[in-house]
Amino acid sequence: MTHRIQAAAVAVCMGLAAFAAPVSATEAGDDTVHFQPHRAVYELSLDNANAGSGVTGITGRMVYELKGSTCDGYSQDMRFVTVMTNQEGTDTTSDLRNSSWEDVGGKKLRFSSTQYQNDELADASQGDAARTKGTTPVVGVDLVKPAKKRLSLPTDIYFPMQHATSLVQAAKSGVKLFPANLYDGSEKGEKYYLTNTVIGKAIAPGANPLSSKIKGADKLATSESWPMTIGYFEAGKDHEDQMPAYELSFRYYENGVTSDLKIDYGEFAIRGDLKELMFLEPSKCSEKTPR
């Protein structure tokens, strides 16, 4: 269960009725999407739980930061801390710390993730993924943790920010269903997911405003947004015949801010309420992209 929460938490840092042609991985950079660097704080709680889940309570906090620019790429840093209570009244504290950097063209991804359970190191992954062109395109991953290893991914793989960019482009184009193979370095860096994103009707700027009690919520008044649900399916299987490993539902703003978060694991679901939003200055464009 811990690994499922970890994978879904990482996916938060990152990730349709009438079907339109999806934005492909090679086309994703055609229309530039300008994400607003920001720091967002979410309060986590138990949304619902089945009787057999063994989960009776969840509390926690998630802090997410997006930094960078359209020329130097974007970095994401997240800390996701939960205290889960089981039916015996025992608490388990999970502390996930995740960071990544990705260039705007979706060619390179650098990631690092550390998971603590009850203050003890439970898992760690670190590595680099890169996309090469040529007669034989390759998406390769060089893992450093938990062990040195070289992996190959499908050539149509999406990295997190590339996927986020494509979702905004798809939403603006009226696409309602967006499938994509997604790799974010979770699950010890050895796994990717087949995702299916359902994009709802656009919410015009200023419509359905967030509560004025949310610090910084007024900054979203001029941004268009969409309700989205992403289903994460095990790769290599027919997703039409299986239930998703988990689902993420949220309201996604065109500037990259997320609200109304829900992570559904089937047996139970976690709710994430945006409590504080602070916009940050975009990084100044440099002559060289970070390596």
Protein backbone atom coordinates (compact mmCIF):
# COMPACT_ATOMS: atom_id res chain seq x y z
CA MET A 1 0.00 0.00 0.00
CA THR A 2 2.89 2.34 0.75
CA HIS A 3 4.24 1.95 -2.78
CA ARG A 4 0.83 2.74 -4.25
CA ILE A 5 0.62 5.96 -2.23
CA GLN A 6 4.19 6.84 -3.21
CA ALA A 7 3.54 6.29 -6.93
CA ALA A 8 0.33 8.32 -6.84
CA ALA A 9 1.99 11.10 -4.86
CA VAL A 10 4.73 11.38 -7.48
CA ALA A 11 2.07 11.44 -10.16
CA VAL A 12 0.51 14.46 -8.48
CA CYS A 13 3.77 16.31 -9.21
CA MET A 14 3.07 15.66 -12.70
CA GLY A 15 -0.84 14.03 -14.14
CA LEU A 16 -11.82 12.21 -23.23
CA ALA A 17 -16.39 11.74 -25.08
CA ALA A 18 -15.76 12.99 -28.60
CA PHE A 19 -12.23 11.90 -29.45
CA ALA A 20 -9.95 14.30 -31.26
CA ALA A 21 -6.44 13.50 -32.46
CA PRO A 22 -4.18 13.50 -29.40
CA VAL A 23 -1.08 15.68 -29.16
CA SER A 24 1.84 13.36 -29.83
CA ALA A 25 5.11 13.39 -27.92
CA THR A 26 6.87 14.94 -30.89
CA GLU A 27 4.19 17.61 -31.33
CA ALA A 28 3.90 18.53 -27.67
CA GLY A 29 6.22 21.53 -27.94
CA ASP A 30 4.56 23.14 -30.97
CA ASP A 31 2.37 25.53 -28.95
CA THR A 32 4.23 26.88 -25.95
CA VAL A 33 2.44 26.56 -22.62
CA HIS A 34 3.66 29.01 -19.98
CA PHE A 35 3.42 27.48 -16.53
CA GLN A 36 3.52 29.84 -13.58
CA PRO A 37 6.21 28.95 -11.02
CA HIS A 38 4.46 28.60 -7.69
CA ARG A 39 4.37 27.08 -4.23
CA ALA A 40 1.16 25.32 -3.20
CA VAL A 41 0.24 23.83 0.17
CA TYR A 42 -2.47 21.15 0.44
CA GLU A 43 -4.16 19.66 3.49
CA LEU A 44 -4.62 15.89 3.12
CA SER A 45 -7.48 13.91 4.64
CA LEU A 46 -9.41 10.67 4.19
CA ASP A 47 -12.14 11.19 1.60
CA ASN A 48 -13.74 7.74 1.87
CA ALA A 49 -12.82 4.13 2.68
CA ASN A 50 -14.41 0.73 2.14
CA ALA A 51 -15.08 -1.43 5.18
CA GLY A 52 -12.42 -3.93 4.14
CA SER A 53 -9.69 -1.39 3.46
CA GLY A 54 -8.40 -1.37 7.04
CA VAL A 55 -8.03 2.41 6.83
CA THR A 56 -9.96 4.47 9.35
CA GLY A 57 -8.21 7.81 9.09
CA ILE A 58 -5.65 9.81 7.12
CA THR A 59 -4.22 13.23 7.86
CA GLY A 60 -1.31 14.98 6.24
CA ARG A 61 0.15 17.78 4.19
CA MET A 62 1.63 18.19 0.75
CA VAL A 63 3.89 21.06 -0.28
CA TYR A 64 4.63 21.43 -3.99
CA GLU A 65 6.95 23.87 -5.74
CA LEU A 66 7.34 24.49 -9.44
CA LYS A 67 10.30 26.62 -10.55
CA GLY A 68 11.97 27.45 -13.84
CA SER A 69 11.00 28.89 -17.21
CA THR A 70 10.20 27.95 -20.79
CA CYS A 71 13.87 28.32 -21.78
CA ASP A 72 15.72 26.66 -18.88
CA GLY A 73 13.18 23.94 -18.13
CA TYR A 74 11.19 23.30 -14.97
CA SER A 75 12.05 21.77 -11.62
CA GLN A 76 9.45 20.20 -9.33
CA ASP A 77 9.91 19.64 -5.60
CA MET A 78 7.32 17.94 -3.45
CA ARG A 79 7.00 16.70 0.09
CA PHE A 80 4.02 14.45 0.77
CA VAL A 81 3.50 13.47 4.42
CA THR A 82 0.61 11.31 5.64
CA VAL A 83 -0.35 9.68 8.91
CA MET A 84 -2.56 6.66 8.22
CA THR A 85 -4.59 5.05 11.01
CA ASN A 86 -5.70 1.42 10.70
CA GLN A 87 -8.65 -0.32 12.32
CA GLU A 88 -6.51 -1.28 15.33
CA GLY A 89 -5.76 2.38 15.94
CA THR A 90 -2.11 2.10 14.89
CA ASP A 91 -0.61 5.07 13.04
CA THR A 92 1.87 4.78 10.17
CA THR A 93 3.71 7.91 9.07
CA SER A 94 4.82 8.09 5.44
CA ASP A 95 7.13 10.89 4.26
CA LEU A 96 7.85 11.14 0.53
CA ARG A 97 10.35 13.69 -0.78
CA ASN A 98 10.54 13.99 -4.54
CA SER A 99 12.41 16.32 -6.87
CA SER A 100 12.91 16.43 -10.63
CA TRP A 101 14.11 18.63 -13.46
CA GLU A 102 12.88 18.42 -17.04
CA ASP A 103 13.74 20.41 -20.13
CA VAL A 104 10.86 22.07 -21.98
CA GLY A 105 11.23 19.90 -25.08
CA GLY A 106 10.69 16.68 -23.13
CA LYS A 107 14.13 15.36 -24.07
CA LYS A 108 15.66 15.03 -20.59
CA LEU A 109 14.37 14.14 -17.14
CA ARG A 110 16.37 14.05 -13.93
CA PHE A 111 14.64 12.64 -10.84
CA SER A 112 15.24 11.76 -7.21
CA SER A 113 12.79 10.27 -4.74
CA THR A 114 13.13 9.24 -1.09
CA GLN A 115 10.47 7.50 0.99
CA TYR A 116 10.51 7.28 4.79
CA GLN A 117 8.14 5.18 6.86
CA ASN A 118 7.95 5.89 10.58
CA ASP A 119 11.21 7.88 10.23
CA GLU A 120 13.09 4.96 8.66
CA LEU A 121 14.30 4.92 5.07
CA ALA A 122 11.99 2.63 3.11
CA ASP A 123 12.81 3.37 -0.51
CA ALA A 124 14.93 5.60 -2.73
CA SER A 125 15.33 6.09 -6.46
CA GLN A 126 17.50 8.40 -8.53
CA GLY A 127 18.35 8.59 -12.18
CA ASP A 128 18.29 10.33 -15.54
CA ALA A 129 16.14 9.66 -18.59
CA ALA A 130 16.90 10.98 -22.06
CA ARG A 131 15.29 10.89 -25.47
CA THR A 132 17.48 10.60 -28.55
CA LYS A 133 16.54 11.11 -32.19
CA GLY A 134 17.84 9.62 -35.41
CA THR A 135 16.98 6.60 -37.49
CA THR A 136 16.43 4.57 -34.30
CA PRO A 137 14.90 6.81 -31.59
CA VAL A 138 15.61 5.66 -28.04
CA VAL A 139 14.32 6.66 -24.59
CA GLY A 140 16.91 5.42 -22.10
CA VAL A 141 17.07 5.56 -18.31
CA ASP A 142 20.27 5.43 -16.26
CA LEU A 143 19.41 4.54 -12.67
CA VAL A 144 21.77 5.35 -9.80
CA LYS A 145 19.46 4.22 -6.98
CA PRO A 146 18.38 1.75 -5.73
CA ALA A 147 21.09 0.19 -7.95
CA LYS A 148 22.93 1.13 -11.12
CA LYS A 149 20.91 -0.07 -14.06
CA ARG A 150 20.17 0.84 -17.68
CA LEU A 151 16.58 0.68 -18.91
CA SER A 152 14.83 1.29 -22.22
CA LEU A 153 11.35 2.82 -22.46
CA PRO A 154 8.83 2.96 -25.32
CA THR A 155 9.66 5.77 -27.75
CA ASP A 156 6.20 7.31 -27.26
CA ILE A 157 6.78 7.84 -23.53
CA TYR A 158 5.87 11.17 -21.92
CA PHE A 159 7.79 12.82 -19.10
CA PRO A 160 5.75 14.67 -16.40
CA MET A 161 6.02 18.29 -17.56
CA GLN A 162 5.72 17.21 -21.18
CA HIS A 163 2.52 15.39 -20.23
CA ALA A 164 1.21 18.41 -18.31
CA THR A 165 1.91 20.64 -21.31
CA SER A 166 0.09 18.24 -23.62
CA LEU A 167 -2.94 18.11 -21.30
CA VAL A 168 -3.32 21.90 -21.41
CA GLN A 169 -2.91 21.90 -25.19
CA ALA A 170 -5.43 19.07 -25.53
CA ALA A 171 -7.94 20.82 -23.25
CA LYS A 172 -7.67 24.08 -25.18
CA SER A 173 -8.20 22.15 -28.44
CA GLY A 174 -11.38 20.52 -27.15
CA VAL A 175 -9.89 17.03 -26.76
CA LYS A 176 -11.88 14.97 -24.26
CA LEU A 177 -9.78 11.80 -24.00
CA PHE A 178 -5.98 11.81 -23.85
CA PRO A 179 -4.08 8.48 -23.58
CA ALA A 180 -0.35 8.49 -22.90
CA ASN A 181 2.47 6.29 -21.64
CA LEU A 182 3.90 8.20 -18.67
CA TYR A 183 7.26 7.86 -16.91
CA ASP A 184 8.10 9.89 -13.81
CA GLY A 185 10.76 7.82 -12.02
CA SER A 186 8.41 6.34 -9.42
CA GLU A 187 8.28 2.65 -8.45
CA LYS A 188 12.09 2.50 -8.05
CA GLY A 189 12.44 4.12 -11.46
CA GLU A 190 11.68 0.88 -13.26
CA LYS A 191 8.05 1.37 -14.16
CA TYR A 192 5.89 3.44 -16.48
CA TYR A 193 2.11 3.64 -16.62
CA LEU A 194 -0.46 3.69 -19.37
CA THR A 195 -2.61 6.70 -18.49
CA ASN A 196 -5.99 7.78 -19.75
CA THR A 197 -7.07 11.35 -18.99
CA VAL A 198 -10.69 12.45 -19.18
CA ILE A 199 -10.95 16.22 -19.66
CA GLY A 200 -14.18 17.91 -18.63
CA LYS A 201 -15.87 21.08 -19.79
CA ALA A 202 -13.76 24.23 -19.57
CA ILE A 203 -14.37 26.55 -16.63
CA ALA A 204 -14.07 30.16 -17.73
CA PRO A 205 -11.75 32.56 -15.85
CA GLY A 206 -13.50 33.81 -12.74
CA ALA A 207 -16.19 31.11 -12.80
CA ASN A 208 -16.55 28.77 -9.81
CA PRO A 209 -13.95 30.70 -7.78
CA LEU A 210 -12.12 29.01 -4.95
CA SER A 211 -12.89 29.97 -1.38
CA SER A 212 -11.58 33.36 -0.32
CA LYS A 213 -10.22 31.57 2.77
CA ILE A 214 -7.51 30.03 0.60
CA LYS A 215 -4.49 32.30 0.76
CA GLY A 216 -3.58 33.43 -2.76
CA ALA A 217 -6.69 31.96 -4.42
CA ASP A 218 -7.45 35.34 -6.03
CA LYS A 219 -4.40 34.81 -8.28
CA LEU A 220 -6.37 32.20 -10.24
CA ALA A 221 -9.24 34.51 -11.19
CA THR A 222 -7.86 35.16 -14.68
CA SER A 223 -7.00 31.54 -15.55
CA GLU A 224 -9.08 29.06 -17.52
CA SER A 225 -9.35 25.60 -15.93
CA TRP A 226 -10.73 22.12 -16.54
CA PRO A 227 -11.83 19.20 -14.36
CA MET A 228 -9.63 16.21 -15.18
CA THR A 229 -9.40 12.57 -14.12
CA ILE A 230 -6.32 10.48 -14.89
CA GLY A 231 -6.51 6.70 -14.67
CA TYR A 232 -3.17 4.91 -14.17
CA PHE A 233 -3.05 1.39 -15.62
CA GLU A 234 -0.36 -1.28 -15.48
CA ALA A 235 1.68 -1.13 -18.68
CA GLY A 236 1.59 -4.14 -20.97
CA LYS A 237 -1.99 -5.03 -20.11
CA ASP A 238 -5.27 -4.29 -21.84
CA HIS A 239 -6.64 -1.42 -19.74
CA GLU A 240 -10.14 -2.08 -21.04
CA ASP A 241 -10.16 -5.30 -19.00
CA GLN A 242 -8.61 -3.98 -15.80
CA MET A 243 -9.29 -1.47 -13.09
CA PRO A 244 -6.80 1.39 -12.77
CA ALA A 245 -4.09 1.04 -10.15
CA TYR A 246 -5.32 4.43 -8.96
CA GLU A 247 -7.04 7.56 -10.25
CA LEU A 248 -6.23 11.24 -9.82
CA SER A 249 -9.02 13.80 -10.07
CA PHE A 250 -8.41 17.54 -9.89
CA ARG A 251 -9.17 20.97 -11.30
CA TYR A 252 -6.28 21.95 -13.55
CA TYR A 253 -5.56 25.58 -14.36
CA GLU A 254 -3.83 26.61 -17.57
CA ASN A 255 -0.93 28.06 -15.55
CA GLY A 256 -0.18 24.67 -13.96
CA VAL A 257 -1.88 25.12 -10.58
CA THR A 258 -4.01 22.25 -9.25
CA SER A 259 -6.95 22.37 -6.83
CA ASP A 260 -9.73 20.00 -5.68
CA LEU A 261 -7.36 17.05 -5.59
CA LYS A 262 -8.53 13.47 -5.01
CA ILE A 263 -6.39 10.32 -5.13
CA ASP A 264 -8.58 7.19 -5.40
CA TYR A 265 -6.97 3.81 -4.69
CA GLY A 266 -10.24 1.88 -5.01
CA GLU A 267 -10.41 0.73 -1.39
CA PHE A 268 -9.94 4.24 -0.07
CA ALA A 269 -9.36 7.77 -1.35
CA ILE A 270 -7.33 10.77 -0.17
CA ARG A 271 -8.57 14.33 -0.52
CA GLY A 272 -6.18 17.24 -1.02
CA ASP A 273 -7.53 20.72 -0.26
CA LEU A 274 -5.52 23.69 -1.49
CA LYS A 275 -4.81 25.93 1.50
CA GLU A 276 -2.15 28.33 0.30
CA LEU A 277 -0.83 29.49 -3.07
CA MET A 278 2.16 31.71 -3.72
CA PHE A 279 3.34 32.70 -7.20
CA LEU A 280 7.11 32.72 -7.73
CA GLU A 281 9.24 34.62 -10.22
CA PRO A 282 10.21 32.66 -13.36
CA SER A 283 13.92 31.95 -13.56
CA LYS A 284 15.88 34.22 -15.87
CA CYS A 285 16.83 32.59 -19.13
CA SER A 286 20.50 31.64 -19.27
CA GLU A 287 22.66 30.83 -22.23
CA LYS A 288 22.96 27.21 -21.21
CA THR A 289 20.32 24.75 -20.09
CA PRO A 290 21.09 22.99 -16.76
CA ARG A 291 22.76 19.63 -17.16
